[in-house]
PDB file of N, CA and C in Angstrom:
ATOM      1  N   UNK A   1     -26.881 -19.683  35.370  1.00  0.00           N
ATOM      2  CA  UNK A   1     -27.747 -18.609  35.852  1.00  0.00           C
ATOM      3  C   UNK A   1     -28.080 -17.633  34.727  1.00  0.00           C
ATOM      4  N   UNK A   2     -27.086 -17.327  33.901  1.00  0.00           N
ATOM      5  CA  UNK A   2     -27.307 -16.371  32.810  1.00  0.00           C
ATOM      6  C   UNK A   2     -28.422 -16.826  31.872  1.00  0.00           C
ATOM      7  N   UNK A   3     -28.433 -18.107  31.506  1.00  0.00           N
ATOM      8  CA  UNK A   3     -29.457 -18.598  30.586  1.00  0.00           C
ATOM      9  C   UNK A   3     -30.840 -18.590  31.217  1.00  0.00           C
ATOM     10  N   UNK A   4     -30.922 -18.749  32.522  1.00  0.00           N
ATOM     11  CA  UNK A   4     -32.209 -18.724  33.208  1.00  0.00           C
ATOM     12  C   UNK A   4     -32.827 -17.329  33.178  1.00  0.00           C
ATOM     13  N   UNK A   5     -32.006 -16.313  33.145  1.00  0.00           N
ATOM     14  CA  UNK A   5     -32.497 -14.936  33.209  1.00  0.00           C
ATOM     15  C   UNK A   5     -32.434 -14.220  31.868  1.00  0.00           C
ATOM     16  N   UNK A   6     -32.204 -14.946  30.784  1.00  0.00           N
ATOM     17  CA  UNK A   6     -32.028 -14.299  29.486  1.00  0.00           C
ATOM     18  C   UNK A   6     -33.257 -13.495  29.064  1.00  0.00           C
ATOM     19  N   UNK A   7     -34.464 -14.024  29.294  1.00  0.00           N
ATOM     20  CA  UNK A   7     -35.665 -13.285  28.889  1.00  0.00           C
ATOM     21  C   UNK A   7     -35.806 -11.993  29.689  1.00  0.00           C
ATOM     22  N   UNK A   8     -35.436 -12.022  30.950  1.00  0.00           N
ATOM     23  CA  UNK A   8     -35.462 -10.805  31.767  1.00  0.00           C
ATOM     24  C   UNK A   8     -34.438  -9.799  31.251  1.00  0.00           C
ATOM     25  N   UNK A   9     -33.242 -10.269  30.956  1.00  0.00           N
ATOM     26  CA  UNK A   9     -32.202  -9.380  30.430  1.00  0.00           C
ATOM     27  C   UNK A   9     -32.614  -8.773  29.092  1.00  0.00           C
ATOM     28  N   UNK A  10     -33.251  -9.572  28.235  1.00  0.00           N
ATOM     29  CA  UNK A  10     -33.725  -9.063  26.947  1.00  0.00           C
ATOM     30  C   UNK A  10     -34.784  -7.979  27.149  1.00  0.00           C
ATOM     31  N   UNK A  11     -35.714  -8.211  28.084  1.00  0.00           N
ATOM     32  CA  UNK A  11     -36.764  -7.231  28.360  1.00  0.00           C
ATOM     33  C   UNK A  11     -36.167  -5.941  28.928  1.00  0.00           C
ATOM     34  N   UNK A  12     -35.197  -6.066  29.816  1.00  0.00           N
ATOM     35  CA  UNK A  12     -34.552  -4.883  30.384  1.00  0.00           C
ATOM     36  C   UNK A  12     -33.800  -4.093  29.316  1.00  0.00           C
ATOM     37  N   UNK A  13     -33.126  -4.795  28.408  1.00  0.00           N
ATOM     38  CA  UNK A  13     -32.428  -4.117  27.317  1.00  0.00           C
ATOM     39  C   UNK A  13     -33.402  -3.386  26.408  1.00  0.00           C
ATOM     40  N   UNK A  14     -34.554  -3.976  26.133  1.00  0.00           N
ATOM     41  CA  UNK A  14     -35.567  -3.311  25.315  1.00  0.00           C
ATOM     42  C   UNK A  14     -36.095  -2.067  26.020  1.00  0.00           C
ATOM     43  N   UNK A  15     -36.282  -2.156  27.320  1.00  0.00           N
ATOM     44  CA  UNK A  15     -36.750  -1.019  28.112  1.00  0.00           C
ATOM     45  C   UNK A  15     -35.716   0.105  28.095  1.00  0.00           C
ATOM     46  N   UNK A  16     -34.465  -0.247  28.254  1.00  0.00           N
ATOM     47  CA  UNK A  16     -33.382   0.745  28.220  1.00  0.00           C
ATOM     48  C   UNK A  16     -33.364   1.459  26.875  1.00  0.00           C
ATOM     49  N   UNK A  17     -33.492   0.703  25.798  1.00  0.00           N
ATOM     50  CA  UNK A  17     -33.482   1.294  24.461  1.00  0.00           C
ATOM     51  C   UNK A  17     -34.651   2.258  24.288  1.00  0.00           C
ATOM     52  N   UNK A  18     -35.838   1.878  24.769  1.00  0.00           N
ATOM     53  CA  UNK A  18     -37.010   2.748  24.665  1.00  0.00           C
ATOM     54  C   UNK A  18     -36.814   4.020  25.481  1.00  0.00           C
ATOM     55  N   UNK A  19     -36.272   3.886  26.690  1.00  0.00           N
ATOM     56  CA  UNK A  19     -36.034   5.057  27.538  1.00  0.00           C
ATOM     57  C   UNK A  19     -35.011   5.999  26.913  1.00  0.00           C
ATOM     58  N   UNK A  20     -33.965   5.434  26.332  1.00  0.00           N
ATOM     59  CA  UNK A  20     -32.955   6.268  25.681  1.00  0.00           C
ATOM     60  C   UNK A  20     -33.552   6.993  24.482  1.00  0.00           C
ATOM     61  N   UNK A  21     -34.429   6.309  23.740  1.00  0.00           N
ATOM     62  CA  UNK A  21     -35.094   6.946  22.593  1.00  0.00           C
ATOM     63  C   UNK A  21     -35.930   8.137  23.065  1.00  0.00           C
ATOM     64  N   UNK A  22     -36.722   7.929  24.112  1.00  0.00           N
ATOM     65  CA  UNK A  22     -37.578   9.008  24.627  1.00  0.00           C
ATOM     66  C   UNK A  22     -36.743  10.168  25.172  1.00  0.00           C
ATOM     67  N   UNK A  23     -35.699   9.858  25.896  1.00  0.00           N
ATOM     68  CA  UNK A  23     -34.855  10.909  26.459  1.00  0.00           C
ATOM     69  C   UNK A  23     -34.228  11.741  25.351  1.00  0.00           C
ATOM     70  N   UNK A  24     -33.744  11.081  24.313  1.00  0.00           N
ATOM     71  CA  UNK A  24     -33.151  11.799  23.188  1.00  0.00           C
ATOM     72  C   UNK A  24     -34.191  12.652  22.490  1.00  0.00           C
ATOM     73  N   UNK A  25     -35.377  12.097  22.272  1.00  0.00           N
ATOM     74  CA  UNK A  25     -36.445  12.848  21.612  1.00  0.00           C
ATOM     75  C   UNK A  25     -36.851  14.063  22.444  1.00  0.00           C
ATOM     76  N   UNK A  26     -36.948  13.894  23.748  1.00  0.00           N
ATOM     77  CA  UNK A  26     -37.327  15.014  24.620  1.00  0.00           C
ATOM     78  C   UNK A  26     -36.280  16.122  24.590  1.00  0.00           C
ATOM     79  N   UNK A  27     -35.019  15.749  24.580  1.00  0.00           N
ATOM     80  CA  UNK A  27     -33.959  16.749  24.554  1.00  0.00           C
ATOM     81  C   UNK A  27     -33.951  17.534  23.244  1.00  0.00           C
ATOM     82  N   UNK A  28     -34.459  16.933  22.174  1.00  0.00           N
ATOM     83  CA  UNK A  28     -34.480  17.599  20.871  1.00  0.00           C
ATOM     84  C   UNK A  28     -35.796  18.315  20.606  1.00  0.00           C
ATOM     85  N   UNK A  29     -36.782  18.143  21.474  1.00  0.00           N
ATOM     86  CA  UNK A  29     -38.101  18.732  21.268  1.00  0.00           C
ATOM     87  C   UNK A  29     -38.042  20.250  21.412  1.00  0.00           C
ATOM     88  N   UNK A  30     -38.596  20.941  20.433  1.00  0.00           N
ATOM     89  CA  UNK A  30     -38.628  22.401  20.461  1.00  0.00           C
ATOM     90  C   UNK A  30     -39.821  22.917  21.275  1.00  0.00           C
ATOM     91  N   UNK A  31     -40.930  22.179  21.263  1.00  0.00           N
ATOM     92  CA  UNK A  31     -42.161  22.627  21.912  1.00  0.00           C
ATOM     93  C   UNK A  31     -42.426  21.799  23.168  1.00  0.00           C
ATOM     94  N   UNK A  32     -41.670  22.076  24.222  1.00  0.00           N
ATOM     95  CA  UNK A  32     -41.777  21.320  25.459  1.00  0.00           C
ATOM     96  C   UNK A  32     -43.151  21.510  26.105  1.00  0.00           C
ATOM     97  N   UNK A  33     -43.732  22.695  25.989  1.00  0.00           N
ATOM     98  CA  UNK A  33     -45.057  22.934  26.569  1.00  0.00           C
ATOM     99  C   UNK A  33     -46.106  22.022  25.943  1.00  0.00           C
ATOM    100  N   UNK A  34     -45.976  21.750  24.640  1.00  0.00           N
ATOM    101  CA  UNK A  34     -46.901  20.853  23.969  1.00  0.00           C
ATOM    102  C   UNK A  34     -46.809  19.461  24.581  1.00  0.00           C
ATOM    103  N   UNK A  35     -45.588  19.009  24.857  1.00  0.00           N
ATOM    104  CA  UNK A  35     -45.406  17.681  25.441  1.00  0.00           C
ATOM    105  C   UNK A  35     -46.075  17.600  26.810  1.00  0.00           C
ATOM    106  N   UNK A  36     -45.966  18.639  27.594  1.00  0.00           N
ATOM    107  CA  UNK A  36     -46.592  18.667  28.912  1.00  0.00           C
ATOM    108  C   UNK A  36     -48.113  18.653  28.772  1.00  0.00           C
ATOM    109  N   UNK A  37     -48.624  19.379  27.781  1.00  0.00           N
ATOM    110  CA  UNK A  37     -50.070  19.428  27.557  1.00  0.00           C
ATOM    111  C   UNK A  37     -50.595  18.063  27.128  1.00  0.00           C
ATOM    112  N   UNK A  38     -49.890  17.386  26.254  1.00  0.00           N
ATOM    113  CA  UNK A  38     -50.311  16.050  25.816  1.00  0.00           C
ATOM    114  C   UNK A  38     -50.291  15.097  26.987  1.00  0.00           C
ATOM    115  N   UNK A  39     -49.255  15.162  27.791  1.00  0.00           N
ATOM    116  CA  UNK A  39     -49.150  14.290  28.953  1.00  0.00           C
ATOM    117  C   UNK A  39     -50.297  14.537  29.925  1.00  0.00           C
ATOM    118  N   UNK A  40     -50.626  15.792  30.177  1.00  0.00           N
ATOM    119  CA  UNK A  40     -51.713  16.130  31.096  1.00  0.00           C
ATOM    120  C   UNK A  40     -53.065  15.725  30.512  1.00  0.00           C
ATOM    121  N   UNK A  41     -53.226  15.898  29.208  1.00  0.00           N
ATOM    122  CA  UNK A  41     -54.493  15.591  28.542  1.00  0.00           C
ATOM    123  C   UNK A  41     -54.771  14.097  28.542  1.00  0.00           C
ATOM    124  N   UNK A  42     -53.737  13.289  28.268  1.00  0.00           N
ATOM    125  CA  UNK A  42     -53.933  11.845  28.177  1.00  0.00           C
ATOM    126  C   UNK A  42     -53.757  11.146  29.524  1.00  0.00           C
ATOM    127  N   UNK A  43     -53.103  11.822  30.451  1.00  0.00           N
ATOM    128  CA  UNK A  43     -52.828  11.205  31.737  1.00  0.00           C
ATOM    129  C   UNK A  43     -51.629  10.286  31.698  1.00  0.00           C
ATOM    130  N   UNK A  44     -50.892  10.328  30.588  1.00  0.00           N
ATOM    131  CA  UNK A  44     -49.715   9.473  30.444  1.00  0.00           C
ATOM    132  C   UNK A  44     -48.589  10.268  29.824  1.00  0.00           C
ATOM    133  N   UNK A  45     -47.413   9.771  29.994  1.00  0.00           N
ATOM    134  CA  UNK A  45     -46.249  10.383  29.332  1.00  0.00           C
ATOM    135  C   UNK A  45     -46.189   9.874  27.906  1.00  0.00           C
ATOM    136  N   UNK A  46     -45.652  10.654  26.982  1.00  0.00           N
ATOM    137  CA  UNK A  46     -45.466  10.181  25.617  1.00  0.00           C
ATOM    138  C   UNK A  46     -44.609   8.921  25.620  1.00  0.00           C
ATOM    139  N   UNK A  47     -44.860   8.018  24.669  1.00  0.00           N
ATOM    140  CA  UNK A  47     -44.129   6.757  24.623  1.00  0.00           C
ATOM    141  C   UNK A  47     -43.343   6.643  23.344  1.00  0.00           C
ATOM    142  N   UNK A  48     -42.340   5.788  23.380  1.00  0.00           N
ATOM    143  CA  UNK A  48     -41.500   5.550  22.206  1.00  0.00           C
ATOM    144  C   UNK A  48     -42.241   4.677  21.214  1.00  0.00           C
ATOM    145  N   UNK A  49     -41.963   4.866  19.938  1.00  0.00           N
ATOM    146  CA  UNK A  49     -42.580   3.997  18.943  1.00  0.00           C
ATOM    147  C   UNK A  49     -42.073   2.559  19.106  1.00  0.00           C
ATOM    148  N   UNK A  50     -42.909   1.603  18.711  1.00  0.00           N
ATOM    149  CA  UNK A  50     -42.538   0.192  18.854  1.00  0.00           C
ATOM    150  C   UNK A  50     -41.967  -0.343  17.563  1.00  0.00           C
TER     151      UNK A  50
END
């Protein structure tokens, strides 16, 4: 079963890593209002670099 779901597990691990990166970056952001403005302007939340 594990080998059948390996690609799913890999994708989930990549997603977790991206979410952790964004959460850490947000916690360290000094200009939170800017982040909200960018999100509202683009209609999306900021994303982690690839």
